[in-house]
């Protein structure tokens, strides 16, 4: 997957999951904010590492 497509998919998936979580929160479900923050940070760093790996292929 090229980096541009990965970026579009990652932004769409993150936005959709945040909308889903906000709908669940509005419906009265308890959301563990610490676990949510931890998951989002891990996903962000994973995406950054993936993009760095793809970009390193351009220069090696």
C-alpha atoms as a PDB file:
ATOM      1  CA  UNK A   1       0.000   0.000   0.000  1.00  0.00           C
ATOM      2  CA  UNK A   2       1.453   3.342  -0.949  1.00  0.00           C
ATOM      3  CA  UNK A   3       1.760   6.047   1.732  1.00  0.00           C
ATOM      4  CA  UNK A   4      -0.937   8.272   0.211  1.00  0.00           C
ATOM      5  CA  UNK A   5      -3.543   5.495   0.273  1.00  0.00           C
ATOM      6  CA  UNK A   6      -2.469   4.502   3.769  1.00  0.00           C
ATOM      7  CA  UNK A   7      -2.990   8.079   4.955  1.00  0.00           C
ATOM      8  CA  UNK A   8      -6.486   8.275   3.500  1.00  0.00           C
ATOM      9  CA  UNK A   9      -7.485   4.924   5.015  1.00  0.00           C
ATOM     10  CA  UNK A  10      -5.953   5.742   8.411  1.00  0.00           C
ATOM     11  CA  UNK A  11      -7.694   9.118   8.667  1.00  0.00           C
ATOM     12  CA  UNK A  12     -11.022   7.606   7.617  1.00  0.00           C
ATOM     13  CA  UNK A  13     -10.774   4.698  10.045  1.00  0.00           C
ATOM     14  CA  UNK A  14      -9.754   6.949  12.926  1.00  0.00           C
ATOM     15  CA  UNK A  15     -12.582   9.376  12.233  1.00  0.00           C
ATOM     16  CA  UNK A  16     -15.155   6.600  11.949  1.00  0.00           C
ATOM     17  CA  UNK A  17     -14.028   4.998  15.197  1.00  0.00           C
ATOM     18  CA  UNK A  18     -14.147   8.349  17.023  1.00  0.00           C
ATOM     19  CA  UNK A  19     -17.679   8.969  15.739  1.00  0.00           C
ATOM     20  CA  UNK A  20     -18.682   5.481  16.891  1.00  0.00           C
ATOM     21  CA  UNK A  21     -17.180   6.054  20.322  1.00  0.00           C
ATOM     22  CA  UNK A  22     -18.937   9.409  20.679  1.00  0.00           C
ATOM     23  CA  UNK A  23     -22.258   7.785  19.730  1.00  0.00           C
ATOM     24  CA  UNK A  24     -21.723   5.058  22.327  1.00  0.00           C
ATOM     25  CA  UNK A  25     -20.819   7.687  24.919  1.00  0.00           C
ATOM     26  CA  UNK A  26     -23.974   9.625  24.071  1.00  0.00           C
ATOM     27  CA  UNK A  27     -26.051   6.456  24.443  1.00  0.00           C
ATOM     28  CA  UNK A  28     -24.845   6.050  28.022  1.00  0.00           C
ATOM     29  CA  UNK A  29     -22.065   3.484  27.684  1.00  0.00           C
ATOM     30  CA  UNK A  30     -19.065   3.990  29.955  1.00  0.00           C
ATOM     31  CA  UNK A  31     -15.935   4.723  27.912  1.00  0.00           C
ATOM     32  CA  UNK A  32     -12.541   4.071  29.484  1.00  0.00           C
ATOM     33  CA  UNK A  33     -10.744   7.278  28.519  1.00  0.00           C
ATOM     34  CA  UNK A  34      -7.300   6.017  29.533  1.00  0.00           C
ATOM     35  CA  UNK A  35      -7.577   2.896  27.377  1.00  0.00           C
ATOM     36  CA  UNK A  36      -8.917   4.979  24.490  1.00  0.00           C
ATOM     37  CA  UNK A  37      -6.034   7.445  24.746  1.00  0.00           C
ATOM     38  CA  UNK A  38      -3.490   4.614  24.956  1.00  0.00           C
ATOM     39  CA  UNK A  39      -4.961   2.871  21.905  1.00  0.00           C
ATOM     40  CA  UNK A  40      -5.025   6.063  19.835  1.00  0.00           C
ATOM     41  CA  UNK A  41      -1.400   6.883  20.719  1.00  0.00           C
ATOM     42  CA  UNK A  42      -0.246   3.370  19.799  1.00  0.00           C
ATOM     43  CA  UNK A  43      -2.135   3.568  16.497  1.00  0.00           C
ATOM     44  CA  UNK A  44      -0.564   6.966  15.757  1.00  0.00           C
ATOM     45  CA  UNK A  45       2.971   5.752  16.441  1.00  0.00           C
ATOM     46  CA  UNK A  46       2.337   2.586  14.444  1.00  0.00           C
ATOM     47  CA  UNK A  47       1.225   4.688  11.493  1.00  0.00           C
ATOM     48  CA  UNK A  48       4.286   6.894  11.759  1.00  0.00           C
ATOM     49  CA  UNK A  49       6.579   3.851  11.837  1.00  0.00           C
ATOM     50  CA  UNK A  50       4.810   2.375   8.800  1.00  0.00           C
ATOM     51  CA  UNK A  51       5.239   5.602   6.843  1.00  0.00           C
ATOM     52  CA  UNK A  52       8.914   5.830   7.828  1.00  0.00           C
ATOM     53  CA  UNK A  53       9.443   2.261   6.637  1.00  0.00           C
ATOM     54  CA  UNK A  54       7.783   3.052   3.309  1.00  0.00           C
ATOM     55  CA  UNK A  55       9.794   6.257   2.908  1.00  0.00           C
ATOM     56  CA  UNK A  56      13.052   4.451   3.688  1.00  0.00           C
ATOM     57  CA  UNK A  57      12.403   2.206   0.682  1.00  0.00           C
ATOM     58  CA  UNK A  58      12.607   5.285  -1.530  1.00  0.00           C
ATOM     59  CA  UNK A  59      16.119   6.111  -0.394  1.00  0.00           C
ATOM     60  CA  UNK A  60      17.665   2.651  -0.045  1.00  0.00           C
END
